[in-house]
PDB file of N, CA and C in Angstrom:
ATOM      1  N   MET A   1      20.281 187.500  49.478  1.00  0.00           N
ATOM      2  CA  MET A   1      21.428 187.547  48.651  1.00  0.00           C
ATOM      3  C   MET A   1      22.508 188.351  49.575  1.00  0.00           C
ATOM      4  N   ALA A   2      23.892 188.931  49.408  1.00  0.00           N
ATOM      5  CA  ALA A   2      25.012 189.003  50.055  1.00  0.00           C
ATOM      6  C   ALA A   2      24.988 190.554  50.162  1.00  0.00           C
ATOM      7  N   LYS A   3      25.096 191.317  50.689  1.00  0.00           N
ATOM      8  CA  LYS A   3      25.243 192.658  51.069  1.00  0.00           C
ATOM      9  C   LYS A   3      26.570 192.571  51.592  1.00  0.00           C
ATOM     10  N   ASN A   4      27.286 194.395  51.042  1.00  0.00           N
ATOM     11  CA  ASN A   4      29.087 194.571  50.930  1.00  0.00           C
ATOM     12  C   ASN A   4      28.647 195.023  52.512  1.00  0.00           C
ATOM     13  N   ALA A   5      30.191 195.001  52.838  1.00  0.00           N
ATOM     14  CA  ALA A   5      30.485 195.526  54.079  1.00  0.00           C
ATOM     15  C   ALA A   5      31.094 196.814  53.485  1.00  0.00           C
ATOM     16  N   PHE A   6      31.552 197.909  54.847  1.00  0.00           N
ATOM     17  CA  PHE A   6      32.254 198.835  54.693  1.00  0.00           C
ATOM     18  C   PHE A   6      33.086 199.309  56.222  1.00  0.00           C
ATOM     19  N   TYR A   7      34.106 199.289  56.371  1.00  0.00           N
ATOM     20  CA  TYR A   7      35.276 199.288  57.144  1.00  0.00           C
ATOM     21  C   TYR A   7      36.026 200.569  57.168  1.00  0.00           C
ATOM     22  N   ALA A   8      35.934 201.333  58.094  1.00  0.00           N
ATOM     23  CA  ALA A   8      36.633 202.344  58.415  1.00  0.00           C
ATOM     24  C   ALA A   8      37.175 202.834  59.725  1.00  0.00           C
ATOM     25  N   GLN A   9      38.317 203.456  59.818  1.00  0.00           N
ATOM     26  CA  GLN A   9      39.248 203.343  60.658  1.00  0.00           C
ATOM     27  C   GLN A   9      39.241 205.149  61.075  1.00  0.00           C
ATOM     28  N   SER A  10      39.680 205.045  62.786  1.00  0.00           N
ATOM     29  CA  SER A  10      39.513 206.534  63.237  1.00  0.00           C
ATOM     30  C   SER A  10      40.697 206.597  64.275  1.00  0.00           C
ATOM     31  N   GLY A  11      40.922 207.928  64.286  1.00  0.00           N
ATOM     32  CA  GLY A  11      41.998 207.885  65.477  1.00  0.00           C
ATOM     33  C   GLY A  11      43.652 207.851  64.768  1.00  0.00           C
ATOM     34  N   GLY A  12      44.424 207.270  65.510  1.00  0.00           N
ATOM     35  CA  GLY A  12      46.004 206.912  65.967  1.00  0.00           C
ATOM     36  C   GLY A  12      45.764 205.806  64.596  1.00  0.00           C
ATOM     37  N   VAL A  13      47.079 205.848  64.025  1.00  0.00           N
ATOM     38  CA  VAL A  13      47.318 204.631  63.230  1.00  0.00           C
ATOM     39  C   VAL A  13      47.945 203.599  63.798  1.00  0.00           C
ATOM     40  N   THR A  14      48.475 202.522  64.256  1.00  0.00           N
ATOM     41  CA  THR A  14      49.097 201.314  64.740  1.00  0.00           C
ATOM     42  C   THR A  14      48.902 200.323  64.108  1.00  0.00           C
ATOM     43  N   ALA A  15      49.539 199.225  64.409  1.00  0.00           N
ATOM     44  CA  ALA A  15      49.513 197.992  63.617  1.00  0.00           C
ATOM     45  C   ALA A  15      48.272 197.412  64.376  1.00  0.00           C
ATOM     46  N   VAL A  16      47.985 197.774  65.348  1.00  0.00           N
ATOM     47  CA  VAL A  16      47.185 197.481  65.550  1.00  0.00           C
ATOM     48  C   VAL A  16      45.631 197.339  65.162  1.00  0.00           C
ATOM     49  N   ILE A  17      45.379 198.912  64.574  1.00  0.00           N
ATOM     50  CA  ILE A  17      44.453 198.855  63.853  1.00  0.00           C
ATOM     51  C   ILE A  17      44.438 198.219  62.697  1.00  0.00           C
ATOM     52  N   ASN A  18      45.571 198.119  62.020  1.00  0.00           N
ATOM     53  CA  ASN A  18      45.692 197.089  60.733  1.00  0.00           C
ATOM     54  C   ASN A  18      45.335 195.733  61.240  1.00  0.00           C
ATOM     55  N   ALA A  19      45.679 195.436  62.477  1.00  0.00           N
ATOM     56  CA  ALA A  19      45.405 194.014  62.622  1.00  0.00           C
ATOM     57  C   ALA A  19      43.706 193.649  62.719  1.00  0.00           C
ATOM     58  N   SER A  20      42.981 194.726  63.302  1.00  0.00           N
ATOM     59  CA  SER A  20      41.607 194.843  63.450  1.00  0.00           C
ATOM     60  C   SER A  20      40.934 194.500  61.896  1.00  0.00           C
ATOM     61  N   ALA A  21      41.796 195.873  61.026  1.00  0.00           N
ATOM     62  CA  ALA A  21      41.254 195.509  59.620  1.00  0.00           C
ATOM     63  C   ALA A  21      41.467 194.036  59.088  1.00  0.00           C
ATOM     64  N   ALA A  22      42.114 193.558  59.356  1.00  0.00           N
ATOM     65  CA  ALA A  22      42.728 192.029  58.617  1.00  0.00           C
ATOM     66  C   ALA A  22      41.298 191.297  59.161  1.00  0.00           C
ATOM     67  N   GLY A  23      41.600 191.485  60.936  1.00  0.00           N
ATOM     68  CA  GLY A  23      40.290 190.369  61.207  1.00  0.00           C
ATOM     69  C   GLY A  23      38.816 190.662  60.834  1.00  0.00           C
ATOM     70  N   VAL A  24      38.350 191.926  60.631  1.00  0.00           N
ATOM     71  CA  VAL A  24      37.354 192.467  59.889  1.00  0.00           C
ATOM     72  C   VAL A  24      37.362 191.231  58.351  1.00  0.00           C
ATOM     73  N   ILE A  25      38.182 192.311  57.839  1.00  0.00           N
ATOM     74  CA  ILE A  25      38.171 191.515  56.162  1.00  0.00           C
ATOM     75  C   ILE A  25      38.286 190.253  56.193  1.00  0.00           C
ATOM     76  N   GLU A  26      38.692 189.502  56.652  1.00  0.00           N
ATOM     77  CA  GLU A  26      39.269 187.777  56.875  1.00  0.00           C
ATOM     78  C   GLU A  26      37.587 187.417  57.387  1.00  0.00           C
ATOM     79  N   THR A  27      37.083 187.827  58.565  1.00  0.00           N
ATOM     80  CA  THR A  27      35.990 187.267  58.607  1.00  0.00           C
ATOM     81  C   THR A  27      34.909 187.465  57.888  1.00  0.00           C
ATOM     82  N   CYS A  28      35.104 188.491  57.038  1.00  0.00           N
ATOM     83  CA  CYS A  28      33.539 188.794  56.074  1.00  0.00           C
ATOM     84  C   CYS A  28      34.405 187.752  54.813  1.00  0.00           C
ATOM     85  N   ARG A  29      34.959 187.430  54.706  1.00  0.00           N
ATOM     86  CA  ARG A  29      35.720 186.559  53.849  1.00  0.00           C
ATOM     87  C   ARG A  29      34.943 185.317  54.126  1.00  0.00           C
ATOM     88  N   LYS A  30      35.008 184.937  54.789  1.00  0.00           N
ATOM     89  CA  LYS A  30      34.370 183.550  55.537  1.00  0.00           C
ATOM     90  C   LYS A  30      33.060 183.374  55.845  1.00  0.00           C
ATOM     91  N   HIS A  31      32.131 184.152  55.643  1.00  0.00           N
ATOM     92  CA  HIS A  31      30.881 184.609  55.539  1.00  0.00           C
ATOM     93  C   HIS A  31      30.141 185.000  54.190  1.00  0.00           C
ATOM     94  N   GLY A  32      30.832 184.472  52.800  1.00  0.00           N
ATOM     95  CA  GLY A  32      31.025 185.108  51.525  1.00  0.00           C
ATOM     96  C   GLY A  32      28.795 185.047  51.603  1.00  0.00           C
ATOM     97  N   ASP A  33      28.332 184.276  52.086  1.00  0.00           N
ATOM     98  CA  ASP A  33      26.975 183.665  51.490  1.00  0.00           C
ATOM     99  C   ASP A  33      26.453 184.980  52.355  1.00  0.00           C
ATOM    100  N   LYS A  34      26.625 185.541  53.061  1.00  0.00           N
ATOM    101  CA  LYS A  34      26.079 186.660  53.444  1.00  0.00           C
ATOM    102  C   LYS A  34      26.590 188.046  53.540  1.00  0.00           C
ATOM    103  N   ILE A  35      28.004 187.535  53.436  1.00  0.00           N
ATOM    104  CA  ILE A  35      28.712 189.131  53.357  1.00  0.00           C
ATOM    105  C   ILE A  35      29.638 189.225  51.731  1.00  0.00           C
ATOM    106  N   GLY A  36      29.354 190.235  50.556  1.00  0.00           N
ATOM    107  CA  GLY A  36      30.379 190.314  49.446  1.00  0.00           C
ATOM    108  C   GLY A  36      31.450 190.783  49.814  1.00  0.00           C
ATOM    109  N   ASN A  37      31.583 192.107  48.758  1.00  0.00           N
ATOM    110  CA  ASN A  37      32.825 192.731  48.800  1.00  0.00           C
ATOM    111  C   ASN A  37      32.794 193.826  50.027  1.00  0.00           C
ATOM    112  N   VAL A  38      34.152 193.672  50.726  1.00  0.00           N
ATOM    113  CA  VAL A  38      34.497 194.640  51.670  1.00  0.00           C
ATOM    114  C   VAL A  38      35.028 196.137  51.341  1.00  0.00           C
ATOM    115  N   TYR A  39      34.633 196.931  51.467  1.00  0.00           N
ATOM    116  CA  TYR A  39      35.226 198.094  50.836  1.00  0.00           C
ATOM    117  C   TYR A  39      35.801 199.062  52.298  1.00  0.00           C
ATOM    118  N   ALA A  40      36.922 199.298  52.327  1.00  0.00           N
ATOM    119  CA  ALA A  40      37.185 199.973  53.126  1.00  0.00           C
ATOM    120  C   ALA A  40      37.787 201.714  52.793  1.00  0.00           C
ATOM    121  N   GLY A  41      37.138 202.567  53.771  1.00  0.00           N
ATOM    122  CA  GLY A  41      37.170 203.881  53.714  1.00  0.00           C
ATOM    123  C   GLY A  41      38.224 204.439  53.412  1.00  0.00           C
ATOM    124  N   ARG A  42      39.278 205.281  52.471  1.00  0.00           N
ATOM    125  CA  ARG A  42      40.150 205.727  52.405  1.00  0.00           C
ATOM    126  C   ARG A  42      40.447 207.033  53.665  1.00  0.00           C
ATOM    127  N   ASN A  43      41.314 206.819  54.438  1.00  0.00           N
ATOM    128  CA  ASN A  43      41.203 208.111  55.363  1.00  0.00           C
ATOM    129  C   ASN A  43      39.963 208.001  55.923  1.00  0.00           C
ATOM    130  N   GLY A  44      39.676 207.056  56.862  1.00  0.00           N
ATOM    131  CA  GLY A  44      38.586 207.028  57.692  1.00  0.00           C
ATOM    132  C   GLY A  44      37.059 207.212  56.800  1.00  0.00           C
ATOM    133  N   ILE A  45      36.266 207.493  57.915  1.00  0.00           N
ATOM    134  CA  ILE A  45      34.663 207.753  57.472  1.00  0.00           C
ATOM    135  C   ILE A  45      35.035 209.005  56.457  1.00  0.00           C
ATOM    136  N   ILE A  46      35.458 209.663  56.310  1.00  0.00           N
ATOM    137  CA  ILE A  46      35.732 210.913  55.039  1.00  0.00           C
ATOM    138  C   ILE A  46      36.195 210.442  53.661  1.00  0.00           C
ATOM    139  N   GLY A  47      36.237 209.060  53.543  1.00  0.00           N
ATOM    140  CA  GLY A  47      36.574 208.070  52.389  1.00  0.00           C
ATOM    141  C   GLY A  47      34.873 207.963  52.072  1.00  0.00           C
ATOM    142  N   ALA A  48      33.922 207.607  53.353  1.00  0.00           N
ATOM    143  CA  ALA A  48      32.445 207.079  52.956  1.00  0.00           C
ATOM    144  C   ALA A  48      32.131 208.592  52.302  1.00  0.00           C
ATOM    145  N   LEU A  49      32.712 209.485  52.781  1.00  0.00           N
ATOM    146  CA  LEU A  49      31.621 210.835  52.775  1.00  0.00           C
ATOM    147  C   LEU A  49      32.332 211.206  51.374  1.00  0.00           C
ATOM    148  N   THR A  50      33.355 211.317  51.004  1.00  0.00           N
ATOM    149  CA  THR A  50      33.807 211.156  49.379  1.00  0.00           C
ATOM    150  C   THR A  50      33.891 210.264  48.406  1.00  0.00           C
ATOM    151  N   GLU A  51      33.261 209.653  49.050  1.00  0.00           N
ATOM    152  CA  GLU A  51      32.879 207.823  47.755  1.00  0.00           C
ATOM    153  C   GLU A  51      34.386 207.587  47.104  1.00  0.00           C
ATOM    154  N   ASP A  52      35.380 207.680  48.539  1.00  0.00           N
ATOM    155  CA  ASP A  52      36.435 207.285  48.125  1.00  0.00           C
ATOM    156  C   ASP A  52      37.101 206.304  48.944  1.00  0.00           C
ATOM    157  N   LEU A  53      36.474 204.907  48.210  1.00  0.00           N
ATOM    158  CA  LEU A  53      36.540 203.527  48.622  1.00  0.00           C
ATOM    159  C   LEU A  53      37.367 202.597  48.437  1.00  0.00           C
ATOM    160  N   ILE A  54      37.977 201.550  48.959  1.00  0.00           N
ATOM    161  CA  ILE A  54      39.160 200.430  48.990  1.00  0.00           C
ATOM    162  C   ILE A  54      38.126 199.484  48.304  1.00  0.00           C
ATOM    163  N   ASP A  55      38.244 198.578  47.263  1.00  0.00           N
ATOM    164  CA  ASP A  55      37.538 197.419  47.421  1.00  0.00           C
ATOM    165  C   ASP A  55      38.410 196.363  47.994  1.00  0.00           C
ATOM    166  N   THR A  56      38.549 195.836  48.769  1.00  0.00           N
ATOM    167  CA  THR A  56      39.801 194.714  49.527  1.00  0.00           C
ATOM    168  C   THR A  56      39.352 193.562  48.506  1.00  0.00           C
ATOM    169  N   SER A  57      38.662 193.244  48.174  1.00  0.00           N
ATOM    170  CA  SER A  57      38.609 192.210  47.198  1.00  0.00           C
ATOM    171  C   SER A  57      39.276 191.933  46.212  1.00  0.00           C
ATOM    172  N   LYS A  58      40.036 192.844  46.155  1.00  0.00           N
ATOM    173  CA  LYS A  58      41.016 193.132  45.033  1.00  0.00           C
ATOM    174  C   LYS A  58      42.896 192.403  45.622  1.00  0.00           C
ATOM    175  N   GLU A  59      42.688 192.710  47.161  1.00  0.00           N
ATOM    176  CA  GLU A  59      43.606 192.275  47.377  1.00  0.00           C
ATOM    177  C   GLU A  59      43.989 190.477  47.851  1.00  0.00           C
ATOM    178  N   SER A  60      44.741 190.231  47.782  1.00  0.00           N
ATOM    179  CA  SER A  60      44.944 188.552  48.653  1.00  0.00           C
ATOM    180  C   SER A  60      44.832 188.534  49.631  1.00  0.00           C
ATOM    181  N   ALA A  61      44.891 187.499  50.110  1.00  0.00           N
ATOM    182  CA  ALA A  61      44.562 186.723  51.585  1.00  0.00           C
ATOM    183  C   ALA A  61      45.729 187.084  52.561  1.00  0.00           C
ATOM    184  N   GLU A  62      46.705 186.683  51.694  1.00  0.00           N
ATOM    185  CA  GLU A  62      48.533 186.895  51.994  1.00  0.00           C
ATOM    186  C   GLU A  62      48.795 188.584  52.470  1.00  0.00           C
ATOM    187  N   ASP A  63      48.404 189.141  51.615  1.00  0.00           N
ATOM    188  CA  ASP A  63      48.511 190.871  51.828  1.00  0.00           C
ATOM    189  C   ASP A  63      47.479 191.563  52.801  1.00  0.00           C
ATOM    190  N   ILE A  64      46.294 190.893  52.792  1.00  0.00           N
ATOM    191  CA  ILE A  64      45.449 190.952  54.144  1.00  0.00           C
ATOM    192  C   ILE A  64      46.140 190.470  55.363  1.00  0.00           C
ATOM    193  N   ALA A  65      46.926 189.293  55.396  1.00  0.00           N
ATOM    194  CA  ALA A  65      46.630 188.672  56.674  1.00  0.00           C
ATOM    195  C   ALA A  65      48.257 189.370  56.813  1.00  0.00           C
ATOM    196  N   ALA A  66      49.205 190.018  56.054  1.00  0.00           N
ATOM    197  CA  ALA A  66      50.614 190.796  56.173  1.00  0.00           C
ATOM    198  C   ALA A  66      50.017 192.092  57.358  1.00  0.00           C
ATOM    199  N   LEU A  67      48.794 192.337  57.144  1.00  0.00           N
ATOM    200  CA  LEU A  67      48.444 193.695  57.460  1.00  0.00           C
ATOM    201  C   LEU A  67      48.408 194.062  59.216  1.00  0.00           C
ATOM    202  N   LYS A  68      48.396 192.518  59.756  1.00  0.00           N
ATOM    203  CA  LYS A  68      48.795 192.347  61.253  1.00  0.00           C
ATOM    204  C   LYS A  68      49.651 192.688  61.950  1.00  0.00           C
ATOM    205  N   GLY A  69      51.109 192.577  60.972  1.00  0.00           N
ATOM    206  CA  GLY A  69      52.077 193.123  61.487  1.00  0.00           C
ATOM    207  C   GLY A  69      52.742 194.652  60.900  1.00  0.00           C
ATOM    208  N   THR A  70      51.853 195.261  60.235  1.00  0.00           N
ATOM    209  CA  THR A  70      51.854 196.369  59.437  1.00  0.00           C
ATOM    210  C   THR A  70      52.007 197.066  60.539  1.00  0.00           C
ATOM    211  N   PRO A  71      52.966 198.041  60.236  1.00  0.00           N
ATOM    212  CA  PRO A  71      52.524 199.617  61.216  1.00  0.00           C
ATOM    213  C   PRO A  71      51.865 200.668  60.337  1.00  0.00           C
ATOM    214  N   SER A  72      51.546 201.502  61.018  1.00  0.00           N
ATOM    215  CA  SER A  72      50.575 202.384  60.825  1.00  0.00           C
ATOM    216  C   SER A  72      49.294 202.186  60.475  1.00  0.00           C
ATOM    217  N   GLY A  73      48.415 202.774  59.214  1.00  0.00           N
ATOM    218  CA  GLY A  73      47.624 202.084  58.897  1.00  0.00           C
ATOM    219  C   GLY A  73      47.014 202.171  57.383  1.00  0.00           C
ATOM    220  N   GLY A  74      46.479 200.807  57.149  1.00  0.00           N
ATOM    221  CA  GLY A  74      47.061 200.531  55.852  1.00  0.00           C
ATOM    222  C   GLY A  74      45.847 201.275  54.564  1.00  0.00           C
ATOM    223  N   PHE A  75      45.211 201.776  55.624  1.00  0.00           N
ATOM    224  CA  PHE A  75      43.634 202.531  54.557  1.00  0.00           C
ATOM    225  C   PHE A  75      43.918 203.404  55.053  1.00  0.00           C
ATOM    226  N   GLY A  76      44.329 204.294  55.699  1.00  0.00           N
ATOM    227  CA  GLY A  76      44.849 205.805  56.285  1.00  0.00           C
ATOM    228  C   GLY A  76      43.376 205.803  57.665  1.00  0.00           C
ATOM    229  N   SER A  77      43.175 207.083  57.886  1.00  0.00           N
ATOM    230  CA  SER A  77      42.687 207.205  58.933  1.00  0.00           C
ATOM    231  C   SER A  77      41.980 208.737  59.102  1.00  0.00           C
ATOM    232  N   CYS A  78      41.373 209.029  60.179  1.00  0.00           N
ATOM    233  CA  CYS A  78      41.064 210.654  60.214  1.00  0.00           C
ATOM    234  C   CYS A  78      40.524 210.853  61.272  1.00  0.00           C
ATOM    235  N   ARG A  79      40.601 212.186  62.035  1.00  0.00           N
ATOM    236  CA  ARG A  79      39.608 212.238  63.418  1.00  0.00           C
ATOM    237  C   ARG A  79      38.759 212.977  63.171  1.00  0.00           C
ATOM    238  N   PHE A  80      38.202 213.084  61.654  1.00  0.00           N
ATOM    239  CA  PHE A  80      37.045 213.556  62.092  1.00  0.00           C
ATOM    240  C   PHE A  80      35.878 213.038  62.157  1.00  0.00           C
ATOM    241  N   LYS A  81      35.202 213.623  63.267  1.00  0.00           N
ATOM    242  CA  LYS A  81      33.646 213.385  63.914  1.00  0.00           C
ATOM    243  C   LYS A  81      32.673 213.766  63.146  1.00  0.00           C
ATOM    244  N   LEU A  82      31.310 212.759  63.290  1.00  0.00           N
ATOM    245  CA  LEU A  82      30.691 213.403  62.497  1.00  0.00           C
ATOM    246  C   LEU A  82      29.556 214.075  63.475  1.00  0.00           C
ATOM    247  N   LYS A  83      28.812 214.698  63.348  1.00  0.00           N
ATOM    248  CA  LYS A  83      28.337 215.718  64.530  1.00  0.00           C
ATOM    249  C   LYS A  83      26.855 215.159  64.318  1.00  0.00           C
ATOM    250  N   SER A  84      26.084 215.452  65.404  1.00  0.00           N
ATOM    251  CA  SER A  84      24.948 215.205  65.706  1.00  0.00           C
ATOM    252  C   SER A  84      24.003 214.849  64.001  1.00  0.00           C
ATOM    253  N   LEU A  85      22.941 214.003  64.864  1.00  0.00           N
ATOM    254  CA  LEU A  85      21.905 214.302  62.895  1.00  0.00           C
ATOM    255  C   LEU A  85      21.514 215.336  63.378  1.00  0.00           C
ATOM    256  N   GLU A  86      21.187 216.244  64.620  1.00  0.00           N
ATOM    257  CA  GLU A  86      20.161 217.333  64.553  1.00  0.00           C
ATOM    258  C   GLU A  86      20.876 218.486  63.933  1.00  0.00           C
ATOM    259  N   ASP A  87      22.355 218.462  64.204  1.00  0.00           N
ATOM    260  CA  ASP A  87      23.493 219.539  63.711  1.00  0.00           C
ATOM    261  C   ASP A  87      24.032 219.047  62.385  1.00  0.00           C
ATOM    262  N   ASN A  88      23.727 217.996  61.811  1.00  0.00           N
ATOM    263  CA  ASN A  88      24.095 218.377  60.203  1.00  0.00           C
ATOM    264  C   ASN A  88      23.691 216.865  59.482  1.00  0.00           C
ATOM    265  N   LYS A  89      22.360 216.820  59.390  1.00  0.00           N
ATOM    266  CA  LYS A  89      21.607 215.522  58.379  1.00  0.00           C
ATOM    267  C   LYS A  89      22.393 215.542  57.152  1.00  0.00           C
ATOM    268  N   ARG A  90      22.446 216.185  56.445  1.00  0.00           N
ATOM    269  CA  ARG A  90      23.207 215.809  55.532  1.00  0.00           C
ATOM    270  C   ARG A  90      24.288 214.926  55.450  1.00  0.00           C
ATOM    271  N   GLU A  91      25.597 214.484  56.416  1.00  0.00           N
ATOM    272  CA  GLU A  91      26.421 214.362  56.420  1.00  0.00           C
ATOM    273  C   GLU A  91      25.687 212.370  56.516  1.00  0.00           C
ATOM    274  N   TYR A  92      24.540 212.354  57.403  1.00  0.00           N
ATOM    275  CA  TYR A  92      24.075 211.004  57.217  1.00  0.00           C
ATOM    276  C   TYR A  92      23.589 210.898  56.165  1.00  0.00           C
ATOM    277  N   GLU A  93      22.731 211.678  55.882  1.00  0.00           N
ATOM    278  CA  GLU A  93      22.138 211.388  54.079  1.00  0.00           C
ATOM    279  C   GLU A  93      23.395 211.037  53.339  1.00  0.00           C
ATOM    280  N   ARG A  94      24.028 211.668  53.385  1.00  0.00           N
ATOM    281  CA  ARG A  94      25.604 210.978  52.541  1.00  0.00           C
ATOM    282  C   ARG A  94      25.702 209.295  52.723  1.00  0.00           C
ATOM    283  N   LEU A  95      25.891 209.609  53.688  1.00  0.00           N
ATOM    284  CA  LEU A  95      26.430 208.044  54.209  1.00  0.00           C
ATOM    285  C   LEU A  95      25.649 206.816  53.554  1.00  0.00           C
ATOM    286  N   ILE A  96      24.327 207.680  53.649  1.00  0.00           N
ATOM    287  CA  ILE A  96      22.878 206.292  53.225  1.00  0.00           C
ATOM    288  C   ILE A  96      22.980 206.434  51.392  1.00  0.00           C
ATOM    289  N   GLU A  97      23.399 207.579  50.871  1.00  0.00           N
ATOM    290  CA  GLU A  97      23.577 207.791  49.621  1.00  0.00           C
ATOM    291  C   GLU A  97      24.619 206.625  49.296  1.00  0.00           C
ATOM    292  N   ILE A  98      25.899 206.566  49.505  1.00  0.00           N
ATOM    293  CA  ILE A  98      26.847 205.896  49.098  1.00  0.00           C
ATOM    294  C   ILE A  98      26.456 204.656  49.797  1.00  0.00           C
ATOM    295  N   PHE A  99      26.162 204.322  50.628  1.00  0.00           N
ATOM    296  CA  PHE A  99      26.012 202.579  50.714  1.00  0.00           C
ATOM    297  C   PHE A  99      24.994 202.072  50.063  1.00  0.00           C
ATOM    298  N   LYS A 100      24.013 202.925  50.017  1.00  0.00           N
ATOM    299  CA  LYS A 100      23.031 202.256  48.925  1.00  0.00           C
ATOM    300  C   LYS A 100      23.524 202.037  47.381  1.00  0.00           C
ATOM    301  N   ALA A 101      24.264 203.093  46.895  1.00  0.00           N
ATOM    302  CA  ALA A 101      25.061 203.027  45.869  1.00  0.00           C
ATOM    303  C   ALA A 101      26.103 201.625  45.573  1.00  0.00           C
ATOM    304  N   HIS A 102      26.663 201.592  46.926  1.00  0.00           N
ATOM    305  CA  HIS A 102      27.325 200.291  46.833  1.00  0.00           C
ATOM    306  C   HIS A 102      27.192 198.912  47.256  1.00  0.00           C
ATOM    307  N   ASP A 103      25.971 198.965  47.744  1.00  0.00           N
ATOM    308  CA  ASP A 103      25.065 197.956  48.219  1.00  0.00           C
ATOM    309  C   ASP A 103      25.422 197.345  49.370  1.00  0.00           C
ATOM    310  N   ILE A 104      25.879 197.957  50.303  1.00  0.00           N
ATOM    311  CA  ILE A 104      26.745 198.145  52.147  1.00  0.00           C
ATOM    312  C   ILE A 104      25.681 197.896  52.498  1.00  0.00           C
ATOM    313  N   GLY A 105      25.720 196.667  53.160  1.00  0.00           N
ATOM    314  CA  GLY A 105      24.565 196.380  54.428  1.00  0.00           C
ATOM    315  C   GLY A 105      25.282 196.297  56.075  1.00  0.00           C
ATOM    316  N   TYR A 106      26.466 196.189  55.368  1.00  0.00           N
ATOM    317  CA  TYR A 106      27.448 196.086  57.655  1.00  0.00           C
ATOM    318  C   TYR A 106      28.375 196.997  57.602  1.00  0.00           C
ATOM    319  N   PHE A 107      28.234 197.772  58.372  1.00  0.00           N
ATOM    320  CA  PHE A 107      29.705 199.386  58.702  1.00  0.00           C
ATOM    321  C   PHE A 107      30.445 198.640  59.824  1.00  0.00           C
ATOM    322  N   PHE A 108      31.500 198.617  59.725  1.00  0.00           N
ATOM    323  CA  PHE A 108      32.141 198.697  60.854  1.00  0.00           C
ATOM    324  C   PHE A 108      33.410 199.675  61.069  1.00  0.00           C
ATOM    325  N   TYR A 109      33.198 199.896  62.239  1.00  0.00           N
ATOM    326  CA  TYR A 109      33.904 201.857  61.847  1.00  0.00           C
ATOM    327  C   TYR A 109      34.831 201.584  63.650  1.00  0.00           C
TER     328      TYR A 109
END
C-alpha cells in the first residue's frame, strides 16, 4: 500500500527551492504505486509540528511545474531548527504523531 510523503523547506526562499519542491512532487507523482499524496509543510518544519499541511494533490501538474520558475517559496519556509533528541524529545514525538495521522512514510527536507 502506498504511503504519503511530506516535504518541507528551510532557509532562504528562492526559485531554486521551488524547483526542488516541484522535482520532489513530480517524482513522487510518477511513483504513485509506492507514494500517495505529497503534503508540504506550510512554513517548513513548523507546518509539521503545527499540523498545517498543504495537500499538493489538489494542485494541477501545470501549477506544480510552474514552481520551477517562480521566485520566493511556494510553501513558505522557516529557520527553525529542531533541537537534539536529548534536548527536546517532544518535538520528535510530535512529528511521529503527525506523520502517523497522515500515513506519511517519506520525509523530504
